[in-house]
N, C-alpha and C. Protein backbone atom coordinates (compact mmCIF):
# COMPACT_ATOMS: atom_id res chain seq x y z
N MET A 1 -144.15 -44.93 49.80
CA MET A 1 -143.11 -44.32 49.46
C MET A 1 -141.68 -45.04 49.58
N LEU A 2 -140.83 -45.21 48.32
CA LEU A 2 -139.64 -45.94 48.17
C LEU A 2 -138.36 -45.33 49.16
N LEU A 3 -137.72 -45.85 49.57
CA LEU A 3 -136.56 -45.75 50.57
C LEU A 3 -135.92 -44.43 49.81
N ASN A 4 -135.45 -44.55 48.79
CA ASN A 4 -134.66 -43.72 47.80
C ASN A 4 -135.35 -42.16 47.63
N ASN A 5 -136.46 -42.00 47.46
CA ASN A 5 -136.99 -41.27 47.49
C ASN A 5 -137.36 -40.19 48.97
N TYR A 6 -137.42 -41.48 49.63
CA TYR A 6 -137.87 -40.79 51.21
C TYR A 6 -136.54 -40.10 51.89
N MET A 7 -135.27 -40.75 51.76
CA MET A 7 -134.11 -40.53 51.48
C MET A 7 -133.42 -38.87 51.18
N SER A 8 -134.10 -38.87 49.94
CA SER A 8 -133.74 -37.87 49.01
C SER A 8 -134.39 -36.82 49.37
N GLU A 9 -135.75 -36.60 49.81
CA GLU A 9 -136.47 -35.66 50.37
C GLU A 9 -136.59 -35.38 51.94
N ASN A 10 -135.43 -36.45 52.72
CA ASN A 10 -135.82 -36.12 54.14
C ASN A 10 -134.12 -36.02 54.45
N PHE A 11 -133.34 -36.88 54.02
CA PHE A 11 -132.00 -36.89 54.34
C PHE A 11 -131.20 -36.49 53.07
N PRO A 12 -131.50 -35.43 52.40
CA PRO A 12 -130.69 -35.31 51.58
C PRO A 12 -129.24 -35.32 51.68
N ASN A 13 -128.42 -36.01 50.55
CA ASN A 13 -126.83 -36.17 50.35
C ASN A 13 -126.29 -37.05 51.48
N LEU A 14 -127.34 -37.82 52.06
CA LEU A 14 -126.80 -38.76 53.13
C LEU A 14 -126.49 -39.56 52.74
N ASN A 15 -125.19 -40.21 52.98
CA ASN A 15 -124.99 -41.47 52.64
C ASN A 15 -125.04 -42.70 53.66
N LEU A 16 -125.92 -43.51 53.48
CA LEU A 16 -126.16 -44.41 54.50
C LEU A 16 -125.21 -45.76 54.83
N ARG A 17 -124.32 -44.79 55.55
CA ARG A 17 -123.14 -46.16 55.77
C ARG A 17 -122.61 -45.27 57.25
N PRO A 18 -121.72 -46.20 57.92
CA PRO A 18 -121.27 -45.60 59.28
C PRO A 18 -120.08 -45.01 58.96
N PRO A 19 -119.78 -44.02 59.96
CA PRO A 19 -120.33 -43.59 60.72
C PRO A 19 -121.21 -42.50 60.37
N LEU A 20 -122.66 -42.83 60.74
CA LEU A 20 -123.82 -42.16 60.90
C LEU A 20 -123.40 -40.96 61.17
N PHE A 21 -123.38 -40.50 62.64
CA PHE A 21 -123.41 -39.54 63.16
C PHE A 21 -122.16 -38.17 62.72
N TYR A 22 -121.15 -39.06 62.14
CA TYR A 22 -120.14 -37.81 61.14
C TYR A 22 -120.58 -37.47 60.06
N ASN A 23 -121.73 -38.14 59.46
CA ASN A 23 -122.18 -37.97 58.11
C ASN A 23 -123.46 -36.65 58.51
N TRP A 24 -124.17 -36.48 59.44
CA TRP A 24 -125.38 -35.12 59.45
C TRP A 24 -125.20 -34.47 60.69
N ASP A 25 -125.65 -33.40 60.46
CA ASP A 25 -125.85 -32.15 61.30
C ASP A 25 -126.57 -32.34 62.35
N ILE A 26 -127.59 -33.21 62.52
CA ILE A 26 -128.35 -33.30 63.63
C ILE A 26 -128.37 -34.59 64.11
N GLY A 27 -127.85 -34.73 65.26
CA GLY A 27 -127.23 -36.20 66.15
C GLY A 27 -127.18 -36.51 67.25
N ILE A 28 -127.15 -37.94 67.53
CA ILE A 28 -126.61 -37.93 69.02
C ILE A 28 -126.12 -39.23 68.71
N ARG A 29 -124.86 -39.55 69.49
CA ARG A 29 -123.74 -40.54 69.65
C ARG A 29 -123.99 -41.30 71.17
N PHE A 30 -124.81 -42.10 71.37
CA PHE A 30 -124.56 -43.15 72.76
C PHE A 30 -123.76 -44.05 72.86
N GLU A 31 -123.56 -43.88 74.12
CA GLU A 31 -122.55 -45.07 74.75
C GLU A 31 -123.37 -46.02 75.09
N LEU A 32 -123.28 -47.69 74.88
CA LEU A 32 -124.01 -48.48 75.05
C LEU A 32 -123.32 -49.59 76.07
N GLY A 33 -122.05 -49.62 75.65
CA GLY A 33 -121.37 -50.58 76.91
C GLY A 33 -120.19 -49.95 77.47
N VAL A 34 -120.28 -50.21 78.80
CA VAL A 34 -119.59 -49.02 79.96
C VAL A 34 -118.62 -50.07 80.62
N ASP A 35 -117.42 -49.61 80.85
CA ASP A 35 -116.11 -50.49 81.45
C ASP A 35 -116.08 -51.98 81.01
N TYR A 36 -115.92 -51.94 79.61
CA TYR A 36 -115.80 -53.34 79.24
C TYR A 36 -114.55 -54.05 79.50
N ASP A 37 -114.28 -54.94 79.95
CA ASP A 37 -113.53 -55.75 80.21
C ASP A 37 -113.56 -57.38 79.55
N VAL A 38 -112.65 -57.91 78.86
CA VAL A 38 -112.59 -59.08 78.20
C VAL A 38 -112.97 -60.16 78.91
N GLU A 39 -113.24 -60.16 80.26
CA GLU A 39 -113.98 -61.29 81.04
C GLU A 39 -115.34 -61.22 80.89
N TYR A 40 -115.94 -59.95 80.08
CA TYR A 40 -117.17 -59.85 80.05
C TYR A 40 -117.77 -60.46 79.35
N ALA A 41 -117.33 -61.13 78.23
CA ALA A 41 -117.38 -61.49 76.93
C ALA A 41 -118.28 -62.89 77.03
N TYR A 42 -119.12 -63.05 77.57
CA TYR A 42 -119.94 -64.11 77.77
C TYR A 42 -121.49 -63.64 78.05
N GLU A 43 -122.11 -64.93 77.45
CA GLU A 43 -123.68 -64.65 77.51
C GLU A 43 -124.33 -64.32 78.73
N ASN A 44 -125.34 -63.32 78.87
CA ASN A 44 -125.73 -62.23 79.90
C ASN A 44 -124.78 -62.17 80.74
N SER A 45 -123.79 -61.78 80.43
CA SER A 45 -122.69 -60.88 81.71
C SER A 45 -123.32 -59.77 82.04
N PRO A 46 -123.29 -59.01 83.04
CA PRO A 46 -123.80 -57.66 83.30
C PRO A 46 -123.48 -56.55 82.45
N TYR A 47 -122.16 -56.54 82.01
CA TYR A 47 -122.19 -55.67 81.04
C TYR A 47 -122.75 -55.74 79.60
N LEU A 48 -123.03 -57.21 79.10
CA LEU A 48 -124.03 -57.07 78.02
C LEU A 48 -125.00 -56.54 78.51
N LYS A 49 -125.57 -57.30 79.95
CA LYS A 49 -127.03 -56.83 80.32
C LYS A 49 -127.36 -55.24 79.91
N GLY A 50 -126.37 -54.34 80.38
CA GLY A 50 -126.36 -53.09 80.59
C GLY A 50 -126.36 -52.52 78.91
N VAL A 51 -125.57 -53.51 78.11
CA VAL A 51 -125.68 -52.75 76.72
C VAL A 51 -127.01 -53.09 76.12
N TYR A 52 -127.66 -54.25 76.15
CA TYR A 52 -129.19 -54.56 75.80
C TYR A 52 -129.89 -53.49 76.15
N LYS A 53 -130.07 -53.22 77.94
CA LYS A 53 -131.13 -52.30 78.27
C LYS A 53 -130.87 -51.12 77.78
N ARG A 54 -129.74 -50.38 77.59
CA ARG A 54 -129.37 -48.78 77.05
C ARG A 54 -130.04 -49.06 75.41
N ALA A 55 -129.87 -50.12 74.64
CA ALA A 55 -130.10 -50.17 73.25
C ALA A 55 -131.66 -50.25 73.34
N ILE A 56 -132.36 -50.80 73.79
CA ILE A 56 -133.34 -51.16 73.79
C ILE A 56 -134.65 -50.28 74.28
N THR A 57 -133.80 -49.40 75.27
CA THR A 57 -134.87 -48.62 75.87
C THR A 57 -134.62 -47.31 75.16
N LEU A 58 -133.42 -46.90 74.28
CA LEU A 58 -133.38 -46.04 73.30
C LEU A 58 -134.24 -46.48 72.46
N PHE A 59 -134.40 -47.43 71.76
CA PHE A 59 -135.10 -47.95 70.72
C PHE A 59 -136.72 -47.62 70.47
N GLU A 60 -136.89 -48.21 71.77
CA GLU A 60 -138.67 -48.09 72.53
C GLU A 60 -139.14 -46.81 72.89
N SER A 61 -137.59 -45.83 73.15
CA SER A 61 -138.05 -44.29 73.69
C SER A 61 -138.53 -43.45 72.05
N LEU A 62 -137.90 -43.97 70.77
CA LEU A 62 -138.05 -43.22 69.57
C LEU A 62 -138.76 -43.86 68.81
N HIS A 63 -139.35 -45.27 68.87
CA HIS A 63 -140.36 -45.92 67.77
C HIS A 63 -141.50 -46.62 68.93
N SER A 64 -142.43 -45.94 68.32
CA SER A 64 -144.04 -46.22 68.88
C SER A 64 -144.51 -47.63 67.90
N PRO A 65 -145.18 -48.25 68.67
CA PRO A 65 -145.68 -49.74 68.18
C PRO A 65 -146.09 -49.25 66.50
N ASN A 66 -146.87 -48.27 65.99
CA ASN A 66 -147.50 -48.18 65.08
C ASN A 66 -146.57 -47.36 63.87
N ASP A 67 -145.64 -46.81 64.42
CA ASP A 67 -144.59 -46.33 63.50
C ASP A 67 -144.25 -47.05 62.41
N ASP A 68 -144.22 -46.43 61.25
CA ASP A 68 -143.58 -46.76 59.81
C ASP A 68 -142.35 -46.67 59.84
N ILE A 69 -141.88 -48.31 59.30
CA ILE A 69 -140.14 -47.90 59.63
C ILE A 69 -139.97 -48.59 58.52
N TYR A 70 -138.68 -48.35 57.99
CA TYR A 70 -137.93 -49.26 57.11
C TYR A 70 -136.48 -49.82 57.81
N ILE A 71 -136.73 -51.29 57.91
CA ILE A 71 -135.32 -51.82 58.34
C ILE A 71 -134.49 -52.02 57.00
N VAL A 72 -133.33 -51.52 57.28
CA VAL A 72 -132.38 -51.60 56.26
C VAL A 72 -131.64 -52.31 56.70
N LEU A 73 -130.40 -53.34 55.36
CA LEU A 73 -129.63 -54.35 56.37
C LEU A 73 -128.91 -54.39 55.15
N ASP A 74 -127.37 -54.17 55.12
CA ASP A 74 -126.25 -53.97 54.09
C ASP A 74 -125.72 -55.40 53.90
N VAL A 75 -125.44 -55.86 53.12
CA VAL A 75 -124.46 -57.19 53.23
C VAL A 75 -123.59 -57.09 52.30
N ASN A 76 -122.37 -57.25 52.63
CA ASN A 76 -121.23 -56.48 51.47
C ASN A 76 -120.67 -58.02 51.06
N ASP A 77 -120.66 -58.12 49.56
CA ASP A 77 -120.20 -58.85 49.01
C ASP A 77 -118.94 -58.80 48.28
N PHE A 78 -117.29 -59.33 48.64
CA PHE A 78 -116.45 -59.23 48.42
C PHE A 78 -115.94 -60.59 47.63
N ALA A 79 -116.91 -60.97 46.45
CA ALA A 79 -116.43 -62.39 45.90
C ALA A 79 -116.51 -61.83 44.53
N ASP A 80 -115.16 -61.21 44.44
CA ASP A 80 -115.00 -60.32 43.06
C ASP A 80 -115.91 -59.95 42.03
N GLY A 81 -117.08 -59.17 42.75
CA GLY A 81 -117.87 -58.82 41.76
C GLY A 81 -118.89 -60.05 41.15
N GLU A 82 -118.93 -61.32 41.96
CA GLU A 82 -119.75 -62.14 41.22
C GLU A 82 -121.28 -61.91 41.80
N ILE A 83 -122.53 -62.33 41.17
CA ILE A 83 -123.78 -62.20 41.64
C ILE A 83 -124.01 -62.78 42.94
N PHE A 84 -124.41 -61.96 44.12
CA PHE A 84 -124.55 -62.74 45.56
C PHE A 84 -125.89 -63.68 45.22
N LYS A 85 -125.23 -64.86 45.88
CA LYS A 85 -126.51 -65.90 45.73
C LYS A 85 -126.60 -66.40 47.23
N HIS A 86 -125.83 -65.98 47.97
CA HIS A 86 -126.57 -66.47 48.96
C HIS A 86 -127.92 -65.74 49.69
N LYS A 87 -128.77 -66.74 50.22
CA LYS A 87 -130.29 -66.81 50.70
C LYS A 87 -130.07 -65.70 52.33
N LEU A 88 -130.26 -64.71 52.00
CA LEU A 88 -130.54 -64.19 53.65
C LEU A 88 -131.85 -64.59 54.11
N ASN A 89 -131.50 -65.19 55.15
CA ASN A 89 -132.82 -65.51 55.96
C ASN A 89 -132.96 -64.70 57.15
N ILE A 90 -132.04 -63.51 57.40
CA ILE A 90 -132.13 -62.84 58.60
C ILE A 90 -133.53 -62.07 58.77
N PHE A 91 -134.05 -61.53 58.13
CA PHE A 91 -135.48 -61.03 58.55
C PHE A 91 -136.09 -62.31 58.68
N SER A 92 -136.21 -63.30 58.40
CA SER A 92 -137.49 -64.51 58.93
C SER A 92 -137.30 -64.72 60.37
N LYS A 93 -136.00 -64.44 61.03
CA LYS A 93 -135.91 -64.77 62.54
C LYS A 93 -136.67 -63.87 63.41
N TYR A 94 -136.67 -62.66 62.89
CA TYR A 94 -137.45 -61.31 63.51
C TYR A 94 -138.50 -60.99 63.11
N VAL A 95 -139.49 -61.54 62.18
CA VAL A 95 -140.88 -60.93 62.10
C VAL A 95 -141.54 -61.84 62.59
N LYS A 96 -142.71 -61.14 62.87
CA LYS A 96 -143.73 -61.78 63.58
C LYS A 96 -144.49 -62.66 63.00
N GLU A 97 -144.74 -62.02 61.26
CA GLU A 97 -145.61 -63.02 60.60
C GLU A 97 -145.07 -62.77 59.21
N LYS A 98 -145.16 -64.12 58.70
CA LYS A 98 -144.24 -64.28 57.70
C LYS A 98 -144.50 -63.61 56.54
N SER A 99 -146.00 -63.17 56.51
CA SER A 99 -146.35 -62.41 54.86
C SER A 99 -145.92 -61.22 55.17
N VAL A 100 -145.35 -60.62 56.13
CA VAL A 100 -144.77 -59.31 56.08
C VAL A 100 -143.41 -59.35 55.30
N LEU A 101 -142.60 -60.41 55.08
CA LEU A 101 -141.59 -60.72 54.39
C LEU A 101 -141.82 -60.36 52.55
N SER A 102 -143.25 -60.47 52.47
CA SER A 102 -143.47 -59.98 51.00
C SER A 102 -142.98 -58.60 50.79
N ARG A 103 -142.89 -57.62 51.34
CA ARG A 103 -142.35 -56.35 51.51
C ARG A 103 -140.89 -56.16 51.21
N LEU A 104 -140.13 -57.17 51.28
CA LEU A 104 -138.94 -57.65 51.28
C LEU A 104 -138.24 -57.08 50.04
N GLN A 105 -137.47 -56.00 49.76
CA GLN A 105 -136.77 -55.91 48.70
C GLN A 105 -135.36 -55.69 48.89
N GLN A 106 -134.53 -56.15 47.28
CA GLN A 106 -133.00 -56.23 47.63
C GLN A 106 -132.62 -55.51 46.63
N ASN A 107 -131.77 -54.58 46.56
CA ASN A 107 -131.02 -54.02 45.77
C ASN A 107 -129.41 -54.01 45.49
N THR A 108 -128.82 -54.36 44.68
CA THR A 108 -127.30 -53.98 44.78
C THR A 108 -126.56 -52.91 44.22
N ILE A 109 -125.93 -52.52 45.00
CA ILE A 109 -125.11 -51.18 45.13
C ILE A 109 -123.90 -51.33 44.84
N PRO A 110 -122.99 -50.14 44.38
CA PRO A 110 -121.30 -50.39 44.63
C PRO A 110 -121.57 -50.42 46.19
N TYR A 111 -119.91 -50.87 46.43
CA TYR A 111 -119.71 -51.08 47.75
C TYR A 111 -119.77 -49.82 48.34
N ILE A 112 -120.37 -49.99 49.31
CA ILE A 112 -120.40 -49.05 50.36
C ILE A 112 -119.37 -48.20 51.20
N VAL A 113 -118.60 -48.73 50.81
CA VAL A 113 -116.97 -48.37 51.30
C VAL A 113 -115.87 -48.10 50.27
N PRO A 114 -116.39 -47.14 49.32
CA PRO A 114 -115.55 -47.07 47.78
C PRO A 114 -114.45 -47.06 48.20
N GLU A 115 -113.97 -46.20 49.38
CA GLU A 115 -112.16 -46.05 49.45
C GLU A 115 -111.78 -47.13 49.96
N ASP A 116 -112.50 -48.20 50.02
CA ASP A 116 -111.66 -49.53 50.18
C ASP A 116 -111.41 -50.40 49.26
N ASP A 117 -112.08 -50.36 47.90
CA ASP A 117 -112.66 -50.62 46.78
C ASP A 117 -112.05 -50.27 45.50
N GLU A 118 -110.52 -50.21 45.49
CA GLU A 118 -109.88 -49.15 44.43
C GLU A 118 -110.15 -49.96 43.15
N ASP A 119 -110.41 -51.24 42.58
CA ASP A 119 -110.80 -51.70 41.55
C ASP A 119 -112.36 -52.01 41.42
N ALA A 120 -112.98 -51.48 41.95
CA ALA A 120 -114.67 -51.22 42.24
C ALA A 120 -115.07 -52.86 41.84
N MET A 121 -114.41 -53.68 42.78
CA MET A 121 -114.94 -55.18 42.55
C MET A 121 -115.91 -55.76 43.72
N TYR A 122 -116.10 -55.20 44.33
CA TYR A 122 -117.26 -55.04 45.57
C TYR A 122 -118.32 -54.51 45.43
N ARG A 123 -119.26 -55.26 46.05
CA ARG A 123 -120.82 -55.00 46.25
C ARG A 123 -121.40 -54.62 47.21
N THR A 124 -122.68 -54.22 47.32
CA THR A 124 -123.36 -54.13 48.67
C THR A 124 -124.71 -54.77 48.35
N HIS A 125 -125.09 -55.40 49.49
CA HIS A 125 -126.28 -55.90 48.70
C HIS A 125 -127.27 -55.29 50.01
N ARG A 126 -128.62 -54.53 49.34
CA ARG A 126 -129.11 -53.69 50.68
C ARG A 126 -130.94 -54.46 50.76
N PHE A 127 -130.82 -54.90 51.63
CA PHE A 127 -131.89 -55.09 51.92
C PHE A 127 -133.07 -54.44 52.79
N ILE A 128 -134.53 -54.20 52.21
CA ILE A 128 -135.29 -53.22 52.75
C ILE A 128 -136.45 -53.78 53.18
N LEU A 129 -136.70 -53.68 54.16
CA LEU A 129 -138.18 -53.76 54.73
C LEU A 129 -139.06 -53.20 55.37
N LYS A 130 -139.96 -52.74 54.54
CA LYS A 130 -140.89 -51.74 54.90
C LYS A 130 -142.02 -52.32 56.03
N CYS A 131 -142.25 -51.43 57.23
CA CYS A 131 -143.07 -52.49 58.31
C CYS A 131 -143.54 -51.71 59.24
N LYS A 132 -144.24 -51.76 60.12
CA LYS A 132 -144.72 -51.29 61.29
C LYS A 132 -143.21 -51.77 62.26
N THR A 133 -143.31 -50.91 63.54
CA THR A 133 -142.51 -51.11 64.47
C THR A 133 -143.07 -52.86 65.13
N SER A 134 -144.25 -52.67 65.12
CA SER A 134 -144.66 -53.88 65.95
C SER A 134 -144.87 -55.28 65.23
N ASP A 135 -144.40 -54.98 63.67
CA ASP A 135 -144.18 -56.07 63.09
C ASP A 135 -143.03 -57.19 62.95
N PHE A 136 -141.98 -56.77 64.11
CA PHE A 136 -140.90 -57.54 64.05
C PHE A 136 -140.21 -57.09 65.35
N LYS A 137 -139.40 -58.51 65.81
CA LYS A 137 -138.98 -58.75 67.35
C LYS A 137 -137.86 -57.82 67.44
N TYR A 138 -138.10 -56.99 67.75
CA TYR A 138 -136.75 -55.52 67.69
C TYR A 138 -135.83 -56.01 69.17
N THR A 139 -136.15 -56.72 70.03
CA THR A 139 -135.53 -56.94 71.08
C THR A 139 -134.48 -58.02 70.65
N PRO A 140 -134.84 -59.16 70.14
CA PRO A 140 -133.59 -60.28 70.15
C PRO A 140 -133.10 -59.75 68.80
N MET A 141 -133.59 -59.02 68.05
CA MET A 141 -132.67 -58.40 66.92
C MET A 141 -131.39 -57.18 67.36
N LEU A 142 -132.25 -56.69 68.19
CA LEU A 142 -130.97 -55.60 68.79
C LEU A 142 -129.85 -55.90 69.50
N LYS A 143 -130.35 -57.32 70.45
CA LYS A 143 -129.68 -58.36 71.00
C LYS A 143 -128.50 -58.83 70.21
N ALA A 144 -128.90 -59.36 69.14
CA ALA A 144 -128.13 -60.11 67.88
C ALA A 144 -126.90 -58.92 67.45
N ILE A 145 -127.36 -57.75 67.04
CA ILE A 145 -126.53 -56.52 66.91
C ILE A 145 -125.53 -56.43 67.82
N CYS A 146 -125.65 -56.42 69.04
CA CYS A 146 -124.87 -56.03 70.31
C CYS A 146 -123.82 -57.25 70.24
N ASN A 147 -123.85 -58.57 70.07
CA ASN A 147 -123.29 -59.60 70.06
C ASN A 147 -122.29 -59.92 69.45
N GLU A 148 -122.39 -58.95 68.27
CA GLU A 148 -121.52 -58.74 66.91
C GLU A 148 -120.00 -58.91 67.08
N ASP A 149 -119.48 -58.36 68.14
CA ASP A 149 -117.90 -58.30 68.55
C ASP A 149 -117.60 -58.99 69.51
N MET A 150 -118.69 -59.65 70.21
CA MET A 150 -118.59 -60.43 71.31
C MET A 150 -118.40 -61.94 71.23
N GLY A 151 -118.47 -62.35 70.21
CA GLY A 151 -118.28 -64.00 69.70
C GLY A 151 -119.38 -64.61 70.44
N ILE A 152 -120.46 -64.38 70.50
CA ILE A 152 -121.49 -64.58 71.23
C ILE A 152 -123.03 -65.25 70.29
N LYS A 153 -123.62 -66.17 70.17
CA LYS A 153 -124.82 -66.22 69.06
C LYS A 153 -125.84 -66.22 69.91
N PRO A 154 -127.03 -65.61 68.95
CA PRO A 154 -126.83 -65.62 67.84
C PRO A 154 -126.79 -63.84 67.40
N SER A 155 -125.97 -63.39 66.43
CA SER A 155 -125.22 -62.22 66.09
C SER A 155 -125.19 -62.00 64.61
N ILE A 156 -125.42 -60.70 64.23
CA ILE A 156 -125.54 -59.85 63.44
C ILE A 156 -124.50 -58.94 63.06
N PHE A 157 -123.56 -59.59 61.81
CA PHE A 157 -122.55 -58.49 61.73
C PHE A 157 -122.88 -57.56 60.65
N HIS A 158 -123.96 -57.83 60.08
CA HIS A 158 -124.18 -56.38 58.64
C HIS A 158 -124.64 -55.49 59.74
N ASN A 159 -124.22 -54.26 59.02
CA ASN A 159 -124.72 -52.99 59.30
C ASN A 159 -126.57 -53.10 59.25
N VAL A 160 -127.19 -52.40 59.99
CA VAL A 160 -128.64 -52.43 60.21
C VAL A 160 -129.15 -51.15 60.76
N TYR A 161 -130.11 -50.83 59.97
CA TYR A 161 -130.43 -49.26 59.88
C TYR A 161 -131.82 -49.08 60.28
N PHE A 162 -132.44 -48.46 61.37
CA PHE A 162 -134.15 -48.67 61.57
C PHE A 162 -134.42 -47.04 61.24
N ILE A 163 -134.81 -46.66 60.12
CA ILE A 163 -135.44 -45.46 59.72
C ILE A 163 -136.87 -45.21 59.78
N ASN A 164 -137.39 -44.37 60.36
CA ASN A 164 -138.76 -43.98 61.41
C ASN A 164 -139.19 -42.82 60.06
N SER A 165 -140.12 -43.35 59.34
CA SER A 165 -140.61 -42.04 58.38
C SER A 165 -141.67 -41.35 58.58
N ASN A 166 -142.26 -41.77 60.17
CA ASN A 166 -143.19 -40.99 60.71
C ASN A 166 -142.46 -39.60 61.48
N LYS A 167 -141.65 -40.12 62.37
CA LYS A 167 -140.65 -38.90 62.98
C LYS A 167 -139.30 -38.49 62.32
N ASP A 168 -139.06 -39.49 60.99
CA ASP A 168 -138.03 -38.91 60.30
C ASP A 168 -136.73 -38.93 61.46
N THR A 169 -136.46 -40.27 61.62
CA THR A 169 -135.29 -40.50 62.19
C THR A 169 -134.82 -41.48 61.90
N ILE A 170 -133.42 -41.91 62.16
CA ILE A 170 -132.23 -42.89 61.82
C ILE A 170 -131.58 -43.29 62.89
N PHE A 171 -131.83 -44.44 63.02
CA PHE A 171 -131.19 -45.55 64.37
C PHE A 171 -130.39 -46.41 64.29
N GLN A 172 -129.26 -46.41 64.58
CA GLN A 172 -128.48 -47.55 64.22
C GLN A 172 -127.40 -47.94 65.57
N VAL A 173 -127.74 -49.36 65.92
CA VAL A 173 -126.59 -49.50 66.82
C VAL A 173 -125.20 -50.45 65.87
N TYR A 174 -124.16 -49.80 66.25
CA TYR A 174 -123.19 -50.21 65.24
C TYR A 174 -122.44 -51.73 65.97
N ASP A 175 -122.53 -51.65 67.47
CA ASP A 175 -122.06 -52.82 68.08
C ASP A 175 -122.19 -52.40 69.38
N ASP A 176 -121.77 -53.36 70.32
CA ASP A 176 -121.87 -53.25 71.65
C ASP A 176 -121.14 -51.80 72.38
N ARG A 177 -120.63 -51.34 71.75
CA ARG A 177 -119.94 -49.65 72.04
C ARG A 177 -121.17 -48.75 71.92
N GLY A 178 -121.85 -48.46 71.06
CA GLY A 178 -122.82 -47.53 70.76
C GLY A 178 -123.71 -47.43 69.76
N CYS A 179 -124.72 -46.57 69.91
CA CYS A 179 -125.56 -46.23 68.77
C CYS A 179 -125.56 -44.99 68.05
N ASP A 180 -126.01 -44.99 67.16
CA ASP A 180 -126.02 -43.39 66.57
C ASP A 180 -127.44 -43.21 66.02
N LEU A 181 -128.04 -41.89 66.39
CA LEU A 181 -129.21 -41.35 66.10
C LEU A 181 -129.24 -39.97 65.42
N LEU A 182 -129.93 -39.96 64.39
CA LEU A 182 -130.21 -38.90 63.36
C LEU A 182 -131.31 -38.42 63.40
N ALA A 183 -131.72 -37.16 62.68
CA ALA A 183 -132.86 -36.59 62.99
C ALA A 183 -132.91 -35.62 62.02
N THR A 184 -134.13 -34.97 61.35
CA THR A 184 -134.27 -33.78 60.58
C THR A 184 -134.41 -32.78 61.38
N SER A 185 -134.78 -32.93 62.42
CA SER A 185 -134.79 -31.58 63.65
C SER A 185 -134.49 -31.90 64.93
N SER A 186 -133.54 -31.01 65.36
CA SER A 186 -133.33 -31.14 67.04
C SER A 186 -134.27 -31.53 67.87
N ASP A 187 -135.96 -30.94 67.30
CA ASP A 187 -136.73 -30.99 68.31
C ASP A 187 -137.44 -32.33 68.49
N THR A 188 -137.34 -32.95 67.22
CA THR A 188 -137.86 -34.44 67.25
C THR A 188 -137.37 -35.42 68.11
N ILE A 189 -135.83 -35.11 68.86
CA ILE A 189 -135.29 -36.06 69.65
C ILE A 189 -134.52 -35.07 70.78
N ARG A 190 -135.06 -34.19 70.94
CA ARG A 190 -134.61 -32.99 72.10
C ARG A 190 -135.26 -33.83 73.46
N GLU A 191 -136.07 -34.47 73.41
CA GLU A 191 -136.63 -35.22 75.24
C GLU A 191 -136.01 -36.20 75.49
N ILE A 192 -135.27 -37.13 74.41
CA ILE A 192 -134.29 -38.10 74.35
C ILE A 192 -133.11 -37.62 74.68
N TYR A 193 -132.27 -36.41 73.99
CA TYR A 193 -131.06 -36.23 74.50
C TYR A 193 -131.31 -35.62 75.84
N GLU A 194 -132.33 -35.17 76.41
CA GLU A 194 -132.36 -34.51 77.95
C GLU A 194 -132.51 -35.91 78.83
N LYS A 195 -133.42 -36.64 78.39
CA LYS A 195 -133.76 -37.78 79.25
C LYS A 195 -132.16 -38.75 79.28
N TYR A 196 -131.51 -38.87 78.35
CA TYR A 196 -130.89 -39.89 78.36
C TYR A 196 -129.41 -39.42 78.21
N ASN A 197 -129.30 -38.00 78.65
CA ASN A 197 -127.94 -37.19 78.66
C ASN A 197 -126.72 -38.05 79.22
N ASP A 198 -127.30 -38.79 80.20
CA ASP A 198 -125.88 -39.16 81.29
C ASP A 198 -125.35 -40.40 80.12
N TRP A 199 -126.22 -40.90 78.89
CA TRP A 199 -125.44 -42.10 78.30
C TRP A 199 -124.82 -41.44 76.98
N ILE A 200 -124.96 -40.25 77.01
CA ILE A 200 -124.25 -39.84 75.39
C ILE A 200 -122.54 -40.17 75.64
N LEU A 201 -122.05 -40.31 74.07
CA LEU A 201 -120.46 -40.14 74.09
C LEU A 201 -119.89 -39.26 74.63
N ASP A 202 -119.23 -39.14 75.77
CA ASP A 202 -118.37 -38.33 76.28
C ASP A 202 -117.37 -37.69 75.04
N TYR A 203 -117.04 -38.03 74.20
CA TYR A 203 -115.93 -37.64 73.19
C TYR A 203 -116.33 -36.74 72.39
N ASP A 204 -117.93 -36.99 72.18
CA ASP A 204 -118.61 -36.26 71.09
C ASP A 204 -119.54 -35.14 71.97
N ARG A 205 -119.57 -34.63 73.06
CA ARG A 205 -120.78 -34.47 73.81
C ARG A 205 -120.82 -32.95 73.87
N SER A 206 -119.60 -32.20 73.56
CA SER A 206 -119.48 -30.67 73.19
C SER A 206 -120.24 -30.88 71.74
N GLU A 207 -119.93 -31.28 70.89
CA GLU A 207 -120.44 -31.09 69.68
C GLU A 207 -122.15 -31.43 69.43
N ILE A 208 -122.53 -32.39 70.15
CA ILE A 208 -124.10 -32.62 70.27
C ILE A 208 -124.65 -31.59 71.32
N ASP A 209 -124.04 -30.76 72.32
CA ASP A 209 -124.53 -30.31 73.16
C ASP A 209 -124.89 -28.67 72.30
N LYS A 210 -123.96 -28.44 71.31
CA LYS A 210 -123.86 -27.25 70.86
C LYS A 210 -125.45 -27.60 69.73
N VAL A 211 -125.69 -28.39 69.12
CA VAL A 211 -126.85 -28.78 68.32
C VAL A 211 -128.10 -28.33 69.04
N PHE A 212 -128.36 -28.94 70.30
CA PHE A 212 -129.28 -28.67 70.96
C PHE A 212 -129.50 -27.48 71.97
N LYS A 213 -128.65 -27.04 72.11
CA LYS A 213 -128.51 -25.63 72.92
C LYS A 213 -128.59 -24.31 71.87
N LYS A 214 -128.61 -24.41 70.64
CA LYS A 214 -128.34 -23.38 69.44
C LYS A 214 -129.62 -22.82 69.25
N ASN A 215 -130.83 -23.39 69.83
CA ASN A 215 -132.00 -22.91 69.78
C ASN A 215 -132.58 -22.53 71.04
N TYR A 216 -131.78 -22.33 72.28
CA TYR A 216 -132.39 -21.77 73.27
C TYR A 216 -132.15 -20.27 73.57
């Protein structure tokens, strides 16, 4: 099934853009980075190790090795509407078998943040790879996403979404601060809500609790 068809059927009217948590009724926002200090912005600092641990733990709790997933990566193009020519090799670093890359698709869509593009000059290039969880090296990929704002290599500064078509969930680590988890049903992610409740971002906790307690 094509991603657009899947999203229309399971996440109707959801605009796949940050902040995901505020764009869908059923979701959890987790805090990844705790007690940040500028002195912790170095490779393998205790702070970053804590960030990595939470991101990887949540990902593995949600995704089984044989799950079908879409990895979606958005590359924003600010070159005055010119055709995007940069050869994106980011996926090749993280797939286990190069043959998987034959499934990689690319679509050019209007800039994902239209309110910041009054003249409609920008574009977003959306790369989509449909695969199994076991097909890619998610641990280094998640670490690279978490490194985004830390000035540490390797890093991925594009928005990356993991869409699980078996569980009907969307997972996004937006940077070292936190991640969003959406679902079509609260029951699907209730176990994660309960098991990692201490990691929920306190700022949004009351709204999150309402979603999971209204069915009790």
